[in-house]
């Protein structure tokens, strides 16, 4: 009995001791089971305290580091700037937190309609297949710098992001006028999503796709009101290296490359040899007939009229309009160069540049057609059959080929310097090059300027070809004018110091005329008609003004040449 009594007391004491221990340990247990901080305790300043510090990173499963830096200033100015971080990263409730919960972002929680559209897109289908490279919301809209889709900067940014996955298509897009304007930083032309849609993008072969052949015309008509069926066959992603899909582009490209190579190979070689020969002759003090002969002494100080006032005005308008065309056209053609956006802004934007381009084109074409009309109605009707290939005609003849061969013989010291008539073979080439340029540049430019008219009678792939030849022929014309043409007329050693001002004054010294056009001089002397062309020397103010104007135009041309070369060598074309 006594044992039971002591045993019961021992159990009671043990129970009391256990209860006392539990009571003492209860605060610690309660503290260890305290709930984790709720989202309300994690404000943006807390999150950005770590993630706003540049260089903050976490390791990926493969061991590489993943930059988790958030550009604070951009985030605060973004569309989501007023919102709390944990509204998107709702799985994060404590600091520190696990890396895997960071990715639990459901944009569709707020953007319900967009999520529904995306779920039916080709991108979502690729994600469902396990394609880790398939884009999600952040690939297009970015993560922490999300802006309103109505902003130009956002439209341009999303377009560039499309190119992050679709590199080849993005490259071909930037070769179109739409893409060139976008590259300059202006968002008013069609972007990827304007044609393909945005959240619900379908494959091209999907009947619901906005670029499916059955739906393409309606898509084009969103911007091009009145677009005709020809727009359907336009290929915005055509290129010049895929003969199977774009044979017309491949053939056109190879033709233009051959033309460029042939023209520059011949005339740059011609200019280099000419410079060498004249420079060498001057160094050896070979006479260039600068001394007045007995027959010229009575006419000392006289000039020979070569161009009348209308021709000089036409040349000036043509020169200025061509330079403006080169400036505005090459700005778009080399939109990815560093100088192009600066020039576009200086011109008042891409729209203003396009307006200046069209006005300059109208001026150039106007001068050209007035010339053709004058020749057809006033000059050619008076020609006799022998005049077509006579010395006053621009029509090429066998004598031009013989003079070109004689010129090359002189270049290499194998013969005397040839003599020329009223027009030299290189002047005739310059003249007919304008007709070629008007046919190619003018016609292709008109097609592009009036797309609805073009597409009403021609297939849409003509736009692809027109864009290619318009740009390449413009490049050919610009480089030829500012290298070969400038050399022939201003930078030959016999022309020093430049510029040659005959196209501003209309006349050349009699001595120079005899040297440069000896056959015409001889013919005029023999026929007694030389006096009909003799005029007094231009006044000093006229001469000074002409030289200033010539130097200004040459400086503008050489500046444009530098810009074109910078664009050519620095472009991704």
Protein backbone atom coordinates (compact mmCIF):
# COMPACT_ATOMS: atom_id res chain seq x y z
CA UNK A 1 0.00 0.00 0.00
CA UNK A 2 2.81 2.29 0.93
CA UNK A 3 4.44 1.51 -2.47
CA UNK A 4 1.27 2.50 -4.34
CA UNK A 5 1.08 5.67 -2.26
CA UNK A 6 4.66 6.65 -3.16
CA UNK A 7 4.13 5.61 -6.79
CA UNK A 8 1.05 7.81 -7.15
CA UNK A 9 2.91 10.74 -5.65
CA UNK A 10 5.84 10.15 -8.07
CA UNK A 11 3.51 10.12 -11.09
CA UNK A 12 1.81 13.32 -9.89
CA UNK A 13 5.19 15.01 -9.44
CA UNK A 14 6.34 13.87 -12.93
CA UNK A 15 3.11 15.17 -14.44
CA UNK A 16 3.54 18.52 -12.69
CA UNK A 17 7.15 18.72 -13.87
CA UNK A 18 6.10 17.90 -17.46
CA UNK A 19 3.39 20.56 -17.37
CA UNK A 20 5.86 23.12 -16.07
CA UNK A 21 8.34 22.27 -18.83
CA UNK A 22 5.62 22.55 -21.49
CA UNK A 23 4.55 25.95 -20.17
CA UNK A 24 8.14 27.18 -20.22
CA UNK A 25 8.70 25.86 -23.74
CA UNK A 26 5.36 27.12 -25.14
CA UNK A 27 6.62 30.66 -26.17
CA UNK A 28 9.53 29.14 -28.06
CA UNK A 29 7.24 26.64 -29.81
CA UNK A 30 4.79 29.39 -30.65
CA UNK A 31 7.61 31.55 -32.03
CA UNK A 32 8.92 28.73 -34.22
CA UNK A 33 5.42 28.16 -35.68
CA UNK A 34 4.80 31.88 -36.42
CA UNK A 35 3.26 32.37 -39.99
CA UNK A 36 5.56 33.66 -42.76
CA UNK A 37 5.20 37.32 -43.72
CA UNK A 38 2.25 37.98 -46.01
CA UNK A 39 2.41 39.81 -49.34
CA UNK A 40 1.34 43.02 -47.66
CA UNK A 41 4.66 43.02 -45.76
CA UNK A 42 6.69 42.93 -49.05
CA UNK A 43 6.44 46.34 -50.67
CA UNK A 44 8.31 47.39 -53.81
CA UNK A 45 11.11 49.07 -51.88
CA UNK A 46 11.79 45.77 -50.11
CA UNK A 47 11.94 43.85 -53.40
CA UNK A 48 13.99 46.45 -55.20
CA UNK A 49 16.34 46.68 -52.26
CA UNK A 50 17.92 43.53 -53.66
CA UNK A 51 16.80 43.30 -57.25
CA UNK A 52 17.36 46.97 -57.94
CA UNK A 53 21.07 46.61 -57.29
CA UNK A 54 22.93 46.02 -60.53
CA UNK A 55 24.64 42.67 -60.63
CA UNK A 56 22.22 40.76 -58.39
CA UNK A 57 22.04 37.23 -59.81
CA UNK A 58 21.03 33.68 -58.96
CA UNK A 59 22.45 30.41 -60.25
CA UNK A 60 20.56 28.41 -62.85
CA UNK A 61 20.29 24.62 -62.62
CA UNK A 62 23.17 24.32 -65.08
CA UNK A 63 25.40 26.46 -62.87
CA UNK A 64 25.34 29.61 -65.01
CA UNK A 65 24.23 32.85 -63.41
CA UNK A 66 20.90 34.47 -64.15
CA UNK A 67 20.78 38.26 -63.88
CA UNK A 68 17.77 39.34 -61.83
CA UNK A 69 18.52 43.04 -61.99
CA UNK A 70 15.46 45.29 -62.37
CA UNK A 71 16.08 48.74 -63.90
CA UNK A 72 14.34 50.72 -61.17
CA UNK A 73 13.85 53.94 -63.14
CA UNK A 74 12.45 52.10 -66.16
CA UNK A 75 10.20 49.96 -63.99
CA UNK A 76 8.76 52.98 -62.18
CA UNK A 77 8.01 54.66 -65.53
CA UNK A 78 6.55 51.49 -67.03
CA UNK A 79 2.88 50.62 -67.34
CA UNK A 80 3.21 48.44 -64.24
CA UNK A 81 5.18 50.99 -62.24
CA UNK A 82 2.27 51.87 -59.88
CA UNK A 83 1.65 48.19 -59.11
CA UNK A 84 3.21 46.05 -56.40
CA UNK A 85 5.87 43.49 -57.31
CA UNK A 86 4.01 40.70 -55.50
CA UNK A 87 0.93 41.24 -57.65
CA UNK A 88 2.86 39.46 -60.41
CA UNK A 89 5.29 37.43 -58.28
CA UNK A 90 2.53 36.25 -55.99
CA UNK A 91 4.33 33.09 -54.95
CA UNK A 92 6.93 35.11 -53.04
CA UNK A 93 5.93 35.64 -49.40
CA UNK A 94 9.22 35.78 -47.53
CA UNK A 95 12.79 37.00 -47.68
CA UNK A 96 14.91 35.21 -48.64
CA UNK A 97 12.78 33.19 -51.06
CA UNK A 98 13.34 30.28 -53.31
CA UNK A 99 14.38 30.93 -56.92
CA UNK A 100 11.79 28.62 -58.44
CA UNK A 101 8.81 30.60 -57.12
CA UNK A 102 10.04 33.75 -58.89
CA UNK A 103 8.86 32.43 -62.24
CA UNK A 104 5.28 31.98 -61.12
CA UNK A 105 3.92 34.96 -63.06
CA UNK A 106 0.47 34.73 -64.57
CA UNK A 107 -0.10 37.76 -66.81
CA UNK A 108 -3.53 36.37 -67.64
CA UNK A 109 -4.74 37.09 -64.12
CA UNK A 110 -5.21 40.69 -65.23
CA UNK A 111 -5.03 40.36 -69.02
CA UNK A 112 -7.78 37.79 -69.38
CA UNK A 113 -8.69 38.40 -73.01
CA UNK A 114 -5.08 38.44 -74.14
CA UNK A 115 -4.44 35.19 -72.31
CA UNK A 116 -7.38 33.60 -74.07
CA UNK A 117 -6.09 34.75 -77.46
CA UNK A 118 -2.56 33.60 -76.69
CA UNK A 119 -3.77 30.16 -75.66
CA UNK A 120 -4.96 29.60 -79.23
CA UNK A 121 -1.80 30.91 -80.89
CA UNK A 122 1.06 29.05 -82.53
CA UNK A 123 3.34 30.33 -79.77
CA UNK A 124 1.23 28.71 -77.05
CA UNK A 125 1.13 25.48 -79.05
CA UNK A 126 4.92 25.47 -79.16
CA UNK A 127 5.12 26.05 -75.42
CA UNK A 128 2.73 23.12 -74.85
CA UNK A 129 5.03 20.94 -76.97
CA UNK A 130 7.89 21.75 -74.62
CA UNK A 131 9.69 24.21 -76.89
CA UNK A 132 11.62 26.31 -74.38
CA UNK A 133 12.46 28.89 -77.04
CA UNK A 134 8.82 29.63 -77.85
CA UNK A 135 7.90 33.18 -76.80
CA UNK A 136 5.73 34.04 -73.85
CA UNK A 137 4.51 37.46 -72.72
CA UNK A 138 7.88 38.73 -71.52
CA UNK A 139 9.69 37.79 -74.73
CA UNK A 140 7.65 40.31 -76.67
CA UNK A 141 6.71 42.89 -74.02
CA UNK A 142 9.88 42.56 -71.88
CA UNK A 143 9.66 42.01 -68.13
CA UNK A 144 10.01 45.21 -66.15
CA UNK A 145 9.96 47.91 -68.83
CA UNK A 146 6.48 47.20 -70.18
CA UNK A 147 4.96 50.19 -71.94
CA UNK A 148 1.61 50.89 -73.55
CA UNK A 149 1.27 49.21 -76.96
CA UNK A 150 -0.04 52.51 -78.33
CA UNK A 151 3.34 54.18 -77.82
CA UNK A 152 5.70 54.32 -80.79
CA UNK A 153 8.65 53.17 -78.70
CA UNK A 154 6.69 50.09 -77.63
CA UNK A 155 5.69 49.20 -81.17
CA UNK A 156 9.30 49.48 -82.31
CA UNK A 157 10.55 47.50 -79.32
CA UNK A 158 8.10 44.65 -79.90
CA UNK A 159 9.07 44.57 -83.58
CA UNK A 160 12.74 44.22 -82.65
CA UNK A 161 11.84 41.48 -80.20
CA UNK A 162 10.12 39.56 -82.99
CA UNK A 163 13.48 39.56 -84.71
CA UNK A 164 15.03 37.90 -81.69
CA UNK A 165 13.42 34.62 -82.76
CA UNK A 166 12.60 35.22 -86.44
CA UNK A 167 16.00 36.52 -87.50
CA UNK A 168 15.77 35.71 -91.21
CA UNK A 169 12.27 37.12 -91.60
CA UNK A 170 13.19 40.20 -89.59
CA UNK A 171 16.18 40.79 -91.88
CA UNK A 172 14.01 40.59 -94.99
CA UNK A 173 11.42 42.85 -93.33
CA UNK A 174 14.03 45.55 -92.71
CA UNK A 175 14.84 45.50 -96.44
CA UNK A 176 11.31 46.71 -97.22
CA UNK A 177 10.18 50.32 -96.95
CA UNK A 178 8.06 49.35 -93.93
CA UNK A 179 11.11 47.99 -92.16
CA UNK A 180 13.45 50.80 -93.23
CA UNK A 181 11.17 53.45 -91.72
CA UNK A 182 10.92 51.38 -88.54
CA UNK A 183 14.70 51.09 -88.38
CA UNK A 184 14.92 54.89 -88.57
CA UNK A 185 12.79 55.01 -85.41
CA UNK A 186 9.35 55.85 -86.79
CA UNK A 187 6.38 53.61 -86.05
CA UNK A 188 3.75 54.63 -88.59
CA UNK A 189 4.52 51.91 -91.15
CA UNK A 190 3.38 48.29 -90.82
CA UNK A 191 5.04 46.21 -88.10
CA UNK A 192 5.11 42.44 -87.71
CA UNK A 193 1.96 42.40 -85.56
CA UNK A 194 0.06 44.69 -87.94
CA UNK A 195 0.14 41.89 -90.49
CA UNK A 196 0.44 38.72 -88.40
CA UNK A 197 -1.67 39.80 -85.43
CA UNK A 198 -0.43 39.92 -81.85
CA UNK A 199 -1.58 37.57 -79.12
CA UNK A 200 -3.41 35.11 -81.34
CA UNK A 201 -0.79 34.65 -84.08
CA UNK A 202 -1.47 31.66 -86.30
CA UNK A 203 0.68 29.84 -88.81
CA UNK A 204 0.47 31.24 -92.34
CA UNK A 205 -1.24 28.11 -93.62
CA UNK A 206 -3.93 28.32 -90.92
CA UNK A 207 -7.21 29.53 -92.52
CA UNK A 208 -7.69 31.84 -89.52
CA UNK A 209 -4.31 33.52 -89.97
CA UNK A 210 -4.43 37.19 -90.94
CA UNK A 211 -1.75 36.53 -93.58
CA UNK A 212 -3.36 33.43 -95.05
CA UNK A 213 -3.85 34.03 -98.81
CA UNK A 214 -7.61 34.17 -98.30
CA UNK A 215 -7.28 36.90 -95.65
CA UNK A 216 -4.21 38.77 -96.84
CA UNK A 217 -5.98 41.39 -98.95
CA UNK A 218 -8.17 42.42 -96.02
CA UNK A 219 -5.07 42.73 -93.85
CA UNK A 220 -3.37 44.96 -96.44
CA UNK A 221 -6.50 47.10 -96.72
CA UNK A 222 -6.25 48.03 -93.04
CA UNK A 223 -3.47 50.43 -94.08
CA UNK A 224 -3.73 50.58 -97.87
CA UNK A 225 -7.34 51.58 -98.39
CA UNK A 226 -8.37 50.52 -101.85
CA UNK A 227 -5.66 47.86 -102.13
CA UNK A 228 -6.33 45.52 -105.03
CA UNK A 229 -5.73 41.81 -105.54
CA UNK A 230 -2.15 42.43 -106.65
CA UNK A 231 -1.20 43.11 -103.03
CA UNK A 232 -1.80 39.45 -102.17
CA UNK A 233 1.30 38.26 -104.05
CA UNK A 234 3.61 40.85 -102.50
CA UNK A 235 6.31 39.02 -100.54
CA UNK A 236 7.38 41.05 -97.48
CA UNK A 237 10.04 38.44 -96.66
CA UNK A 238 11.48 37.92 -100.12
CA UNK A 239 15.25 37.73 -100.36
CA UNK A 240 17.88 37.54 -103.08
CA UNK A 241 19.54 34.26 -102.12
CA UNK A 242 16.63 31.80 -102.22
CA UNK A 243 16.19 30.97 -105.93
CA UNK A 244 13.63 28.26 -105.22
CA UNK A 245 11.13 30.61 -103.54
CA UNK A 246 12.03 33.97 -105.09
CA UNK A 247 13.56 33.40 -108.55
CA UNK A 248 12.69 36.90 -109.79
CA UNK A 249 14.57 38.47 -106.88
CA UNK A 250 17.57 36.19 -107.39
CA UNK A 251 17.81 36.97 -111.12
CA UNK A 252 17.29 40.72 -110.61
CA UNK A 253 19.92 40.82 -107.89
CA UNK A 254 22.52 39.05 -110.01
CA UNK A 255 21.80 41.36 -112.94
CA UNK A 256 22.22 44.48 -110.80
CA UNK A 257 25.43 43.16 -109.24
CA UNK A 258 26.80 42.47 -112.73
CA UNK A 259 25.80 45.94 -113.90
CA UNK A 260 27.43 47.61 -110.89
CA UNK A 261 30.62 45.63 -111.31
CA UNK A 262 30.84 46.30 -115.06
CA UNK A 263 30.25 50.05 -114.81
CA UNK A 264 32.58 50.68 -111.90
CA UNK A 265 35.29 48.30 -113.08
CA UNK A 266 35.51 50.06 -116.44
CA UNK A 267 35.09 53.69 -115.42
CA UNK A 268 37.11 53.59 -112.20
CA UNK A 269 39.94 51.98 -114.14
CA UNK A 270 39.44 54.58 -116.87
CA UNK A 271 39.61 57.41 -114.32
CA UNK A 272 42.66 56.00 -112.54
CA UNK A 273 44.61 55.57 -115.78
CA UNK A 274 43.55 59.00 -117.01
CA UNK A 275 44.69 60.63 -113.79
CA UNK A 276 48.03 58.80 -113.95
CA UNK A 277 48.62 59.78 -117.57
CA UNK A 278 47.77 63.47 -117.15
CA UNK A 279 49.65 63.75 -113.87
CA UNK A 280 52.71 62.09 -115.39
CA UNK A 281 52.62 64.36 -118.47
CA UNK A 282 52.36 67.45 -116.29
CA UNK A 283 55.27 66.21 -114.20
CA UNK A 284 57.36 65.83 -117.35
CA UNK A 285 56.26 69.33 -118.45
CA UNK A 286 54.77 68.04 -121.66
CA UNK A 287 52.97 70.85 -123.49
CA UNK A 288 49.19 70.96 -123.27
CA UNK A 289 48.89 73.78 -125.83
CA UNK A 290 48.43 76.53 -123.26
CA UNK A 291 50.29 79.02 -125.47
CA UNK A 292 48.13 81.06 -127.80
CA UNK A 293 48.79 80.30 -131.46
CA UNK A 294 48.83 82.95 -134.17
CA UNK A 295 45.29 82.12 -135.19
CA UNK A 296 44.06 82.64 -131.64
CA UNK A 297 45.91 85.87 -130.90
CA UNK A 298 43.34 88.13 -132.57
CA UNK A 299 40.62 86.50 -130.47
CA UNK A 300 42.54 86.55 -127.19
CA UNK A 301 40.20 86.77 -124.20
CA UNK A 302 37.24 85.42 -126.13
CA UNK A 303 35.17 82.44 -124.96
CA UNK A 304 33.18 79.88 -126.90
CA UNK A 305 29.53 79.45 -125.97
CA UNK A 306 28.70 75.81 -125.35
CA UNK A 307 25.45 75.94 -123.36
CA UNK A 308 22.58 78.39 -123.43
CA UNK A 309 20.76 79.71 -120.33
CA UNK A 310 17.97 77.11 -120.44
CA UNK A 311 20.43 74.21 -120.54
CA UNK A 312 22.38 75.70 -117.64
CA UNK A 313 19.21 76.15 -115.58
CA UNK A 314 18.13 72.60 -116.42
CA UNK A 315 21.53 71.27 -115.33
CA UNK A 316 21.36 73.17 -112.04
CA UNK A 317 17.82 71.96 -111.26
CA UNK A 318 18.76 68.45 -112.24
CA UNK A 319 21.89 68.50 -110.06
CA UNK A 320 20.10 69.86 -106.98
CA UNK A 321 17.14 67.49 -107.35
CA UNK A 322 19.44 64.49 -107.77
CA UNK A 323 21.40 65.42 -104.66
CA UNK A 324 18.20 65.75 -102.64
CA UNK A 325 17.04 62.40 -103.99
CA UNK A 326 20.32 60.81 -102.95
CA UNK A 327 20.14 62.37 -99.48
CA UNK A 328 16.56 61.34 -98.76
CA UNK A 329 16.72 58.01 -100.61
CA UNK A 330 19.99 56.79 -99.11
CA UNK A 331 18.77 57.81 -95.65
CA UNK A 332 16.05 55.18 -96.02
CA UNK A 333 18.18 52.72 -98.01
CA UNK A 334 20.85 52.70 -95.28
CA UNK A 335 18.43 53.16 -92.39
CA UNK A 336 20.59 50.94 -90.16
CA UNK A 337 23.62 53.24 -90.49
CA UNK A 338 24.48 55.61 -87.65
CA UNK A 339 24.01 58.76 -89.73
CA UNK A 340 20.61 57.91 -91.23
CA UNK A 341 18.42 58.61 -88.14
CA UNK A 342 20.27 61.91 -87.62
CA UNK A 343 19.57 63.01 -91.19
CA UNK A 344 15.95 61.84 -90.95
CA UNK A 345 15.41 63.91 -87.80
CA UNK A 346 17.11 66.92 -89.41
CA UNK A 347 14.71 66.64 -92.34
CA UNK A 348 11.74 66.67 -89.98
CA UNK A 349 11.11 62.92 -89.84
CA UNK A 350 10.62 60.10 -92.31
CA UNK A 351 7.36 61.52 -93.64
CA UNK A 352 8.98 64.84 -94.47
CA UNK A 353 11.92 63.03 -96.05
CA UNK A 354 9.47 61.09 -98.23
CA UNK A 355 7.74 64.33 -99.26
CA UNK A 356 11.08 65.97 -100.15
CA UNK A 357 12.00 62.85 -102.09
CA UNK A 358 8.81 63.00 -104.15
CA UNK A 359 9.13 66.73 -104.84
CA UNK A 360 12.74 66.22 -105.93
CA UNK A 361 11.70 63.29 -108.11
CA UNK A 362 9.01 65.41 -109.75
CA UNK A 363 11.58 68.14 -110.42
CA UNK A 364 14.07 65.72 -111.93
CA UNK A 365 11.47 64.00 -114.09
CA UNK A 366 10.07 67.36 -115.13
CA UNK A 367 13.48 68.54 -116.35
CA UNK A 368 14.00 65.25 -118.15
CA UNK A 369 10.65 65.25 -119.96
CA UNK A 370 10.97 68.90 -120.95
CA UNK A 371 14.32 68.04 -122.50
CA UNK A 372 12.86 65.07 -124.35
CA UNK A 373 9.93 67.18 -125.57
CA UNK A 374 12.27 69.90 -126.79
CA UNK A 375 14.51 67.43 -128.61
CA UNK A 376 11.52 65.70 -130.20
CA UNK A 377 9.80 68.88 -131.39
CA UNK A 378 12.56 71.40 -132.03
CA UNK A 379 15.82 69.61 -132.74
CA UNK A 380 15.29 66.15 -134.20
CA UNK A 381 12.73 67.19 -136.89
CA UNK A 382 15.37 69.46 -138.45
CA UNK A 383 17.96 66.69 -138.69
CA UNK A 384 18.83 65.16 -141.99
CA UNK A 385 19.68 61.44 -142.13
CA UNK A 386 23.40 62.18 -141.92
CA UNK A 387 22.84 64.31 -138.80
CA UNK A 388 21.77 61.29 -136.73
CA UNK A 389 25.34 60.07 -136.63
CA UNK A 390 26.96 63.42 -137.21
CA UNK A 391 29.34 65.28 -134.86
CA UNK A 392 26.54 67.23 -133.18
CA UNK A 393 24.52 64.15 -132.29
CA UNK A 394 24.58 62.26 -129.01
CA UNK A 395 23.94 59.02 -130.85
CA UNK A 396 26.95 56.71 -130.35
CA UNK A 397 28.98 55.93 -133.44
CA UNK A 398 32.00 53.85 -134.39
CA UNK A 399 34.26 56.89 -134.07
CA UNK A 400 33.51 56.91 -130.33
CA UNK A 401 34.79 53.35 -129.99
CA UNK A 402 37.90 54.24 -131.96
CA UNK A 403 38.53 57.25 -129.70
CA UNK A 404 38.05 55.15 -126.56
CA UNK A 405 40.63 52.65 -127.83
CA UNK A 406 43.00 55.50 -128.74
CA UNK A 407 42.50 56.91 -125.24
CA UNK A 408 43.61 53.66 -123.63
CA UNK A 409 46.62 53.53 -125.95
CA UNK A 410 47.54 57.00 -124.71
CA UNK A 411 47.03 55.90 -121.10
CA UNK A 412 49.75 53.27 -121.57
CA UNK A 413 52.03 55.49 -123.63
CA UNK A 414 51.37 53.62 -126.86
CA UNK A 415 50.02 56.53 -128.86
CA UNK A 416 49.23 60.25 -128.86
CA UNK A 417 46.37 61.75 -126.96
CA UNK A 418 43.27 61.53 -129.21
CA UNK A 419 41.32 64.58 -130.30
CA UNK A 420 37.57 64.93 -129.86
CA UNK A 421 34.63 66.59 -131.53
CA UNK A 422 31.71 68.37 -129.91
CA UNK A 423 30.84 65.42 -127.68
CA UNK A 424 33.29 62.88 -126.26
CA UNK A 425 32.46 59.24 -125.71
CA UNK A 426 32.27 59.69 -121.92
CA UNK A 427 29.92 62.66 -122.32
CA UNK A 428 27.67 60.54 -124.49
CA UNK A 429 27.72 57.81 -121.85
CA UNK A 430 26.70 60.38 -119.20
CA UNK A 431 23.85 61.52 -121.43
CA UNK A 432 22.42 58.08 -122.17
CA UNK A 433 22.97 56.95 -118.58
CA UNK A 434 20.32 59.51 -117.64
CA UNK A 435 17.85 57.81 -119.99
CA UNK A 436 18.69 54.46 -118.44
CA UNK A 437 18.34 55.95 -114.97
CA UNK A 438 14.99 57.53 -115.77
CA UNK A 439 13.74 54.23 -117.15
CA UNK A 440 14.85 52.21 -114.12
CA UNK A 441 14.75 54.64 -111.19
CA UNK A 442 11.83 56.65 -112.51
CA UNK A 443 9.55 53.77 -113.41
CA UNK A 444 10.28 51.77 -110.26
CA UNK A 445 9.82 54.87 -108.14
CA UNK A 446 6.44 55.58 -109.73
CA UNK A 447 5.35 51.99 -109.07
CA UNK A 448 6.24 52.33 -105.40
CA UNK A 449 4.73 55.81 -105.08
CA UNK A 450 1.36 54.65 -106.44
CA UNK A 451 0.98 51.09 -105.14
CA UNK A 452 -2.78 50.80 -105.66
CA UNK A 453 -2.46 51.66 -109.34
CA UNK A 454 0.50 49.32 -109.76
CA UNK A 455 -1.22 46.40 -108.05
CA UNK A 456 -4.34 46.88 -110.16
CA UNK A 457 -2.46 45.86 -113.30
CA UNK A 458 0.65 44.01 -112.07
CA UNK A 459 1.28 41.19 -109.57
CA UNK A 460 2.46 42.10 -106.10
CA UNK A 461 5.93 40.61 -106.50
CA UNK A 462 6.66 43.55 -108.81
CA UNK A 463 6.96 45.64 -105.63
CA UNK A 464 9.78 43.39 -104.47
CA UNK A 465 11.66 43.79 -107.75
CA UNK A 466 10.92 47.53 -107.95
CA UNK A 467 12.28 48.10 -104.44
CA UNK A 468 15.46 46.19 -105.26
CA UNK A 469 16.24 47.88 -108.58
CA UNK A 470 15.22 51.33 -107.31
CA UNK A 471 17.74 51.17 -104.48
CA UNK A 472 20.56 49.51 -106.41
CA UNK A 473 20.23 51.77 -109.45
CA UNK A 474 20.12 54.83 -107.17
CA UNK A 475 23.34 53.61 -105.54
CA UNK A 476 24.91 53.18 -108.99
CA UNK A 477 23.84 56.67 -110.09
CA UNK A 478 25.02 58.38 -106.91
CA UNK A 479 28.43 56.74 -106.79
CA UNK A 480 29.00 57.20 -110.54
CA UNK A 481 28.08 60.89 -110.45
CA UNK A 482 30.19 61.72 -107.41
CA UNK A 483 33.24 59.76 -108.55
CA UNK A 484 33.46 59.33 -112.33
CA UNK A 485 31.44 62.36 -113.42
CA UNK A 486 33.17 64.62 -110.88
CA UNK A 487 36.58 63.35 -111.99
CA UNK A 488 35.90 63.80 -115.70
CA UNK A 489 34.73 67.37 -115.25
CA UNK A 490 36.49 68.71 -112.15
CA UNK A 491 39.31 66.57 -110.78
CA UNK A 492 41.49 65.75 -113.77
CA UNK A 493 44.95 67.33 -113.44
CA UNK A 494 44.25 69.42 -116.55
CA UNK A 495 41.17 70.85 -114.82
CA UNK A 496 42.96 72.02 -111.67
CA UNK A 497 41.96 73.95 -109.72
CA UNK A 498 38.34 72.76 -109.61
CA UNK A 499 35.57 73.45 -110.31
CA UNK A 500 34.95 73.62 -114.04
CA UNK A 501 32.30 76.33 -114.35
CA UNK A 502 31.24 75.88 -117.97
CA UNK A 503 27.78 74.61 -116.88
CA UNK A 504 27.26 77.82 -114.89
CA UNK A 505 28.71 80.41 -117.25
CA UNK A 506 27.90 78.50 -120.43
CA UNK A 507 31.24 79.30 -122.07
CA UNK A 508 34.87 78.13 -122.06
CA UNK A 509 38.05 80.00 -122.99
CA UNK A 510 38.82 79.68 -126.66
CA UNK A 511 42.19 78.08 -125.94
CA UNK A 512 40.61 75.41 -123.74
CA UNK A 513 37.95 74.80 -126.36
CA UNK A 514 40.59 74.19 -129.01
CA UNK A 515 42.41 71.78 -126.72
CA UNK A 516 39.39 69.80 -125.49
CA UNK A 517 37.34 69.81 -128.72
CA UNK A 518 39.96 70.13 -131.43
CA UNK A 519 37.92 68.49 -134.19
CA UNK A 520 34.94 70.78 -133.65
CA UNK A 521 37.24 73.81 -133.49
CA UNK A 522 38.87 72.83 -136.76
CA UNK A 523 35.50 72.27 -138.42
CA UNK A 524 34.16 75.66 -137.28
CA UNK A 525 37.28 77.43 -138.46
CA UNK A 526 37.13 75.78 -141.87
CA UNK A 527 33.43 76.57 -142.29
CA UNK A 528 33.83 80.12 -141.02
CA UNK A 529 31.24 79.56 -138.27
CA UNK A 530 33.54 80.00 -135.28
CA UNK A 531 32.63 83.66 -134.87
CA UNK A 532 28.98 82.66 -134.32
CA UNK A 533 29.98 80.96 -131.08
CA UNK A 534 32.41 83.54 -129.75
CA UNK A 535 31.30 85.55 -126.72
CA UNK A 536 32.98 87.86 -124.24
CA UNK A 537 34.47 86.35 -121.13
CA UNK A 538 32.02 86.15 -118.19
CA UNK A 539 32.15 89.10 -115.82
CA UNK A 540 34.16 88.75 -112.66
CA UNK A 541 31.05 88.61 -110.39
CA UNK A 542 29.61 85.89 -112.65
CA UNK A 543 32.87 83.95 -112.55
CA UNK A 544 33.24 84.23 -108.77
CA UNK A 545 29.59 83.28 -108.15
CA UNK A 546 29.92 80.31 -110.51
CA UNK A 547 33.02 79.07 -108.72
CA UNK A 548 31.34 79.38 -105.33
CA UNK A 549 28.26 77.56 -106.59
CA UNK A 550 30.42 74.86 -108.17
CA UNK A 551 32.42 74.33 -104.97
CA UNK A 552 29.21 74.15 -102.91
CA UNK A 553 27.71 71.53 -105.19
CA UNK A 554 30.94 69.51 -105.31
CA UNK A 555 31.18 69.65 -101.51
CA UNK A 556 27.59 68.45 -101.18
CA UNK A 557 28.22 65.65 -103.66
CA UNK A 558 31.38 64.46 -101.91
CA UNK A 559 29.61 64.58 -98.53
CA UNK A 560 26.83 62.43 -99.94
CA UNK A 561 29.44 60.08 -101.37
CA UNK A 562 30.99 59.64 -97.92
CA UNK A 563 27.57 58.95 -96.39
CA UNK A 564 26.81 56.38 -99.07
CA UNK A 565 30.14 54.61 -98.55
CA UNK A 566 29.68 54.63 -94.76
CA UNK A 567 26.23 53.17 -95.24
CA UNK A 568 27.46 50.59 -97.75
CA UNK A 569 30.34 49.28 -95.64
CA UNK A 570 28.48 49.52 -92.34
CA UNK A 571 25.10 48.26 -93.48
CA UNK A 572 23.67 44.78 -93.00
CA UNK A 573 22.22 44.82 -96.56
